[in-house]
Amino acid sequence: MVKAGRGNLGGTTALAILSEIALHDGRRVLMADGDVRNPGISQFKAIYGKRGFPRPDSEDIAHLKEWYTNAFAAALQNEASLVMDVGGGDRTLEEWASEDSLVDAADAMGLPVTGLFMCGPQAGDIDYLLKLWKTGLFLPHRGVIILNDWSIPVGHKPDTLFTPLCMDQRLTTVSGMETAILRIPKLSCMNEVLASGLTFHDAAEGKAGASGRPLDPMRRWQVGNWISKIRENIANEGIEAWLP
């Protein structure tokens, strides 16, 4: 599963919870954070420390392309689903995916690629994806359009801005790619969970965090309810087999 799209749309959080759900359910996952400057999925240390691939140490294009190849190889060797996070709009990944025929190679080796395409309410978010698909830089056979409520500006209702996108044929009907749309609700106590050093599931189950105490009962309920809604949205879209 490879994230693509513009940045600051909640993509890293989506990758983290989808990875965690897979791990919680007993499936193998290898997480890979390819953003050299700003930690992405690796900031979720509770799971990345155990299931993470070493981050690249250089922004050199040749080095990054080698890193991408090594991450895919490691996932294949470990028979694990690869969850790859890169900086928003990362051109190196797109060029590598195109030049090395990523989709065809992954399919041939039994690691089919699902694109996780981030989309927000701004016109530029859709335009970026349309250009990405039209040029063929990254067009896997399956794509999940992520609509994260976190990306909605304060004062606006997510349903008001996202409902038109769910019916937009530019997103629902993409030549050469089967698509689905997955809503990720906003978790109001996200900062508290991150500060606790706990996984989302451990936080919901009342385990003690870095402070030696669990989250309070209200926040535990919020996290558990958030996980349940995401699982429900996945089931409603029927895309369990597309995800790790």
Foldseek 3Di string as FASTA:
>chain_A
DEEAFAPPQCPLVVLQLLVVVCVVVPAAEAEEEAEQPDGGVCLLVLPCVPRYDDYQNDPPLVSSLVVVVVQLVVCLVVVHAYYYHYHYHDVSLLQSCVVVVVQVVCVVSVHHDEYEQEAELDPVRLVVVLVSQVVPSDAGQEYEYEREPSRDDPPDDSCVRCVVVQVDCSQCPRPNHHYYYAYQYDQPCVVVCSVQSDRLVCLLVFHGGPVRGHDDNVSSVSSVVRSVVRVVRCVVRPCPVVGD
